[in-house]
Amino acid sequence: MDVKIEKSWKNRLEKEFEKDYFCKLTQYIRSEYQHQTIYPEGRLIFNAFDHCSFDQVKVVILGQDPYHEPGQAHGLCFSVKDGVAYPPSLLNIFKEIRSDEGFEPYKSGNLDRWANQGVLLLNATLTVKAHLAGSHQNKGWETFTDAVVHELAENRSGLVFILWGAYAQKKGAFIDESKHLVLKSVHPSPLSAHRGFFGNKHFSKANEYLMAQGLTPIDWH
């Protein structure tokens, strides 16, 4: 199956694209785009991969679902397009960066700037119906993104996996913590952030780990 995704990922995930579940998923998603309003727009479904090739990945942040309101989702978890107001979780992420790193994050909620430095901003589900959170869950995307995480965890070393909330932690439960740094806390959602997201210092911890390997840290600004 010809999937429009960055070349290194295409080579790595080629077997997934030929599997029955992915063929069924593709048929379903194509039909949805034809008959419904779906986010993100089709060309941005694999945006996280297009910004960050397999060998460039340094940090993986796992999200769950794309934003489901107009103008928000563009294929990077927690990120919104330029000029769009910060969703509550992203606002809390920026609050923690301010506390942890001691500077004011750049005003835009567009996290392209992180992705271009090697942060894979991966949602478990890559599409969603307008106004219906979770509407494309259990259609096959999770199997595909599980394969992505396995590919990175098994064939790279020294990565930082940032797992916020029970869902992300379950998805990353198999990751070998002797081979990678796995950072866990509650989700940055306003419902849980005060129970351990604030003060987790994941941004500075990630950079300390990268620098210890002689790698360039992420400029979270």
Protein backbone atom coordinates (compact mmCIF):
# COMPACT_ATOMS: atom_id res chain seq x y z
CA MET A 1 0.00 0.00 0.00
CA ASP A 2 1.36 3.44 -0.90
CA VAL A 3 1.25 5.57 2.26
CA LYS A 4 2.43 9.16 2.08
CA ILE A 5 4.78 9.30 5.05
CA GLU A 6 8.41 10.39 5.50
CA LYS A 7 10.81 7.98 3.75
CA SER A 8 12.67 6.58 6.78
CA TRP A 9 9.38 5.77 8.51
CA LYS A 10 7.98 4.28 5.33
CA ASN A 11 10.92 1.89 5.19
CA ARG A 12 10.61 1.00 8.88
CA LEU A 13 6.84 0.50 8.88
CA GLU A 14 6.41 -1.09 5.46
CA LYS A 15 5.18 -4.37 6.93
CA GLU A 16 2.46 -2.58 8.91
CA PHE A 17 1.06 -0.97 5.77
CA GLU A 18 0.49 -4.40 4.22
CA LYS A 19 -1.33 -5.89 7.21
CA ASP A 20 -5.06 -6.54 7.12
CA TYR A 21 -5.87 -4.15 9.98
CA PHE A 22 -4.13 -1.25 8.24
CA CYS A 23 -5.90 -1.90 4.94
CA LYS A 24 -9.27 -1.88 6.78
CA LEU A 25 -8.26 1.25 8.68
CA THR A 26 -7.32 3.03 5.45
CA GLN A 27 -10.66 2.17 3.83
CA TYR A 28 -12.55 3.38 6.89
CA ILE A 29 -10.62 6.65 7.19
CA ARG A 30 -10.97 7.44 3.48
CA SER A 31 -14.73 6.98 3.74
CA GLU A 32 -14.86 9.17 6.84
CA TYR A 33 -13.05 12.02 5.08
CA GLN A 34 -15.48 11.77 2.19
CA HIS A 35 -18.61 11.91 4.34
CA GLN A 36 -17.66 13.68 7.58
CA THR A 37 -15.58 16.57 8.87
CA ILE A 38 -12.40 14.93 10.12
CA TYR A 39 -9.35 16.42 11.82
CA PRO A 40 -6.56 16.98 11.04
CA GLU A 41 -6.81 17.62 7.32
CA GLY A 42 -5.71 14.56 5.36
CA ARG A 43 -2.26 15.80 4.35
CA LEU A 44 -1.37 16.32 8.04
CA ILE A 45 -2.28 12.86 9.39
CA PHE A 46 1.41 11.84 9.43
CA ASN A 47 2.74 15.31 10.23
CA ALA A 48 4.61 14.12 13.34
CA PHE A 49 6.63 11.70 11.21
CA ASP A 50 7.23 14.18 8.42
CA HIS A 51 8.88 16.61 10.86
CA CYS A 52 11.06 14.04 12.55
CA SER A 53 12.70 11.12 10.74
CA PHE A 54 13.33 7.81 12.51
CA ASP A 55 17.01 8.50 13.15
CA GLN A 56 16.39 12.08 14.29
CA VAL A 57 14.08 11.14 17.16
CA LYS A 58 15.46 12.05 20.59
CA VAL A 59 12.28 12.40 22.64
CA VAL A 60 8.85 10.78 22.26
CA ILE A 61 5.79 12.41 23.83
CA LEU A 62 2.69 10.22 23.69
CA GLY A 63 -0.76 11.76 23.42
CA GLN A 64 -4.12 10.08 22.98
CA ASP A 65 -6.39 11.80 20.47
CA PRO A 66 -6.23 14.80 18.10
CA TYR A 67 -8.08 17.95 19.09
CA HIS A 68 -11.62 17.79 17.71
CA GLU A 69 -12.56 21.45 17.28
CA PRO A 70 -11.95 23.56 14.13
CA GLY A 71 -8.48 24.91 13.46
CA GLN A 72 -6.70 23.07 16.26
CA ALA A 73 -5.32 19.68 15.18
CA HIS A 74 -2.39 19.51 12.77
CA GLY A 75 -0.89 16.10 13.41
CA LEU A 76 1.28 16.78 16.48
CA CYS A 77 0.02 15.80 19.92
CA PHE A 78 -0.76 18.67 22.31
CA SER A 79 0.07 21.19 19.54
CA VAL A 80 -2.24 23.69 17.84
CA LYS A 81 -1.80 25.82 14.75
CA ASP A 82 -0.34 29.32 14.97
CA GLY A 83 -2.78 31.87 16.33
CA VAL A 84 -5.05 29.29 18.02
CA ALA A 85 -5.70 29.69 21.75
CA TYR A 86 -3.91 27.21 24.02
CA PRO A 87 -6.07 24.24 25.01
CA PRO A 88 -5.98 23.67 28.81
CA SER A 89 -3.42 20.84 28.75
CA LEU A 90 -1.02 22.83 26.57
CA LEU A 91 -1.40 25.82 28.88
CA ASN A 92 -0.33 23.60 31.78
CA ILE A 93 2.60 22.21 29.77
CA PHE A 94 3.82 25.76 29.23
CA LYS A 95 3.36 26.54 32.95
CA GLU A 96 5.59 23.59 33.82
CA ILE A 97 8.23 24.67 31.30
CA ARG A 98 8.19 28.14 32.87
CA SER A 99 8.67 26.63 36.33
CA ASP A 100 11.20 23.96 35.30
CA GLU A 101 13.33 25.80 32.77
CA GLY A 102 12.90 29.33 34.09
CA PHE A 103 11.77 31.04 30.91
CA GLU A 104 8.57 32.06 29.19
CA PRO A 105 7.74 29.65 26.33
CA TYR A 106 7.34 31.09 22.85
CA LYS A 107 3.87 32.55 22.47
CA SER A 108 2.60 30.18 19.75
CA GLY A 109 1.04 26.84 20.66
CA ASN A 110 2.43 25.37 17.42
CA LEU A 111 5.03 22.81 18.52
CA ASP A 112 6.64 22.40 15.09
CA ARG A 113 9.68 23.92 16.75
CA TRP A 114 9.98 20.90 19.06
CA ALA A 115 9.30 18.36 16.32
CA ASN A 116 12.05 19.84 14.14
CA GLN A 117 14.55 19.23 16.96
CA GLY A 118 13.73 15.53 17.30
CA VAL A 119 10.62 15.42 19.48
CA LEU A 120 8.12 12.91 18.08
CA LEU A 121 4.73 14.25 19.16
CA LEU A 122 2.71 11.08 18.66
CA ASN A 123 -0.98 10.64 19.29
CA ALA A 124 -2.21 7.06 19.76
CA THR A 125 -5.08 7.81 17.37
CA LEU A 126 -4.22 9.99 14.38
CA THR A 127 -7.68 11.20 13.30
CA VAL A 128 -10.97 12.25 14.89
CA LYS A 129 -14.47 13.36 13.88
CA ALA A 130 -15.29 17.02 14.43
CA HIS A 131 -16.68 17.68 17.93
CA LEU A 132 -16.49 13.98 18.90
CA ALA A 133 -13.52 13.15 21.12
CA GLY A 134 -12.32 9.57 20.77
CA SER A 135 -14.49 8.90 17.73
CA HIS A 136 -11.71 7.12 15.79
CA GLN A 137 -10.45 5.03 18.67
CA ASN A 138 -10.40 1.23 18.29
CA LYS A 139 -10.38 1.41 14.48
CA GLY A 140 -6.76 0.35 14.05
CA TRP A 141 -4.72 3.47 14.72
CA GLU A 142 -3.62 2.22 18.14
CA THR A 143 -2.15 -0.94 16.59
CA PHE A 144 -0.22 1.19 14.13
CA THR A 145 1.13 3.60 16.76
CA ASP A 146 2.01 0.67 19.04
CA ALA A 147 4.18 -0.58 16.17
CA VAL A 148 5.83 2.85 15.97
CA VAL A 149 6.69 2.84 19.68
CA HIS A 150 7.99 -0.74 19.46
CA GLU A 151 10.17 0.14 16.48
CA LEU A 152 11.75 3.03 18.35
CA ALA A 153 12.10 1.23 21.67
CA GLU A 154 13.68 -1.86 20.15
CA ASN A 155 15.85 -0.40 17.37
CA ARG A 156 17.06 2.83 18.95
CA SER A 157 18.73 3.41 22.32
CA GLY A 158 19.06 6.41 24.60
CA LEU A 159 15.66 7.92 23.80
CA VAL A 160 13.47 9.82 26.23
CA PHE A 161 9.86 8.59 26.42
CA ILE A 162 7.51 11.04 28.16
CA LEU A 163 4.34 9.32 29.33
CA TRP A 164 1.71 11.59 30.85
CA GLY A 165 -1.36 9.86 32.27
CA ALA A 166 -2.47 6.26 32.61
CA TYR A 167 -3.24 5.80 28.91
CA ALA A 168 0.26 6.78 27.74
CA GLN A 169 1.88 4.77 30.52
CA LYS A 170 -0.02 1.65 29.51
CA LYS A 171 0.97 2.16 25.88
CA GLY A 172 4.63 2.48 26.86
CA ALA A 173 4.66 -0.17 29.61
CA PHE A 174 6.95 -2.54 27.66
CA ILE A 175 9.77 0.01 27.12
CA ASP A 176 13.13 -1.16 28.50
CA GLU A 177 14.08 1.43 31.13
CA SER A 178 17.69 0.22 31.12
CA LYS A 179 17.92 1.25 27.46
CA HIS A 180 15.86 4.45 27.50
CA LEU A 181 14.79 7.15 29.95
CA VAL A 182 11.07 6.79 30.69
CA LEU A 183 9.48 9.79 32.42
CA LYS A 184 6.01 9.29 33.90
CA SER A 185 3.50 11.52 35.65
CA VAL A 186 -0.20 12.31 35.68
CA HIS A 187 -1.63 14.03 32.61
CA PRO A 188 -1.34 17.83 32.20
CA SER A 189 -5.14 18.11 32.02
CA PRO A 190 -6.62 20.56 34.55
CA LEU A 191 -8.36 17.53 36.09
CA SER A 192 -5.05 15.99 37.16
CA ALA A 193 -2.15 18.44 36.72
CA HIS A 194 -2.06 19.42 40.40
CA ARG A 195 -1.59 15.77 41.40
CA GLY A 196 1.96 15.51 40.09
CA PHE A 197 2.31 17.05 36.65
CA PHE A 198 3.34 20.40 38.04
CA GLY A 199 6.84 19.98 39.43
CA ASN A 200 7.68 16.80 37.49
CA LYS A 201 10.61 18.63 35.80
CA HIS A 202 10.38 16.35 32.77
CA PHE A 203 11.77 18.99 30.43
CA SER A 204 15.02 19.51 32.32
CA LYS A 205 15.34 15.79 33.09
CA ALA A 206 15.03 14.96 29.39
CA ASN A 207 17.75 17.46 28.53
CA GLU A 208 20.09 16.25 31.27
CA TYR A 209 19.79 12.73 29.87
CA LEU A 210 20.42 13.86 26.30
CA MET A 211 23.44 15.96 27.29
CA ALA A 212 24.89 13.04 29.29
CA GLN A 213 25.00 11.18 25.95
CA GLY A 214 26.71 14.10 24.23
CA LEU A 215 23.53 15.09 22.38
CA THR A 216 22.16 18.58 21.84
CA PRO A 217 19.37 19.31 24.35
CA ILE A 218 15.89 20.32 23.23
CA ASP A 219 15.20 24.05 23.28
CA TRP A 220 11.75 23.90 24.88
CA HIS A 221 11.38 27.63 24.28
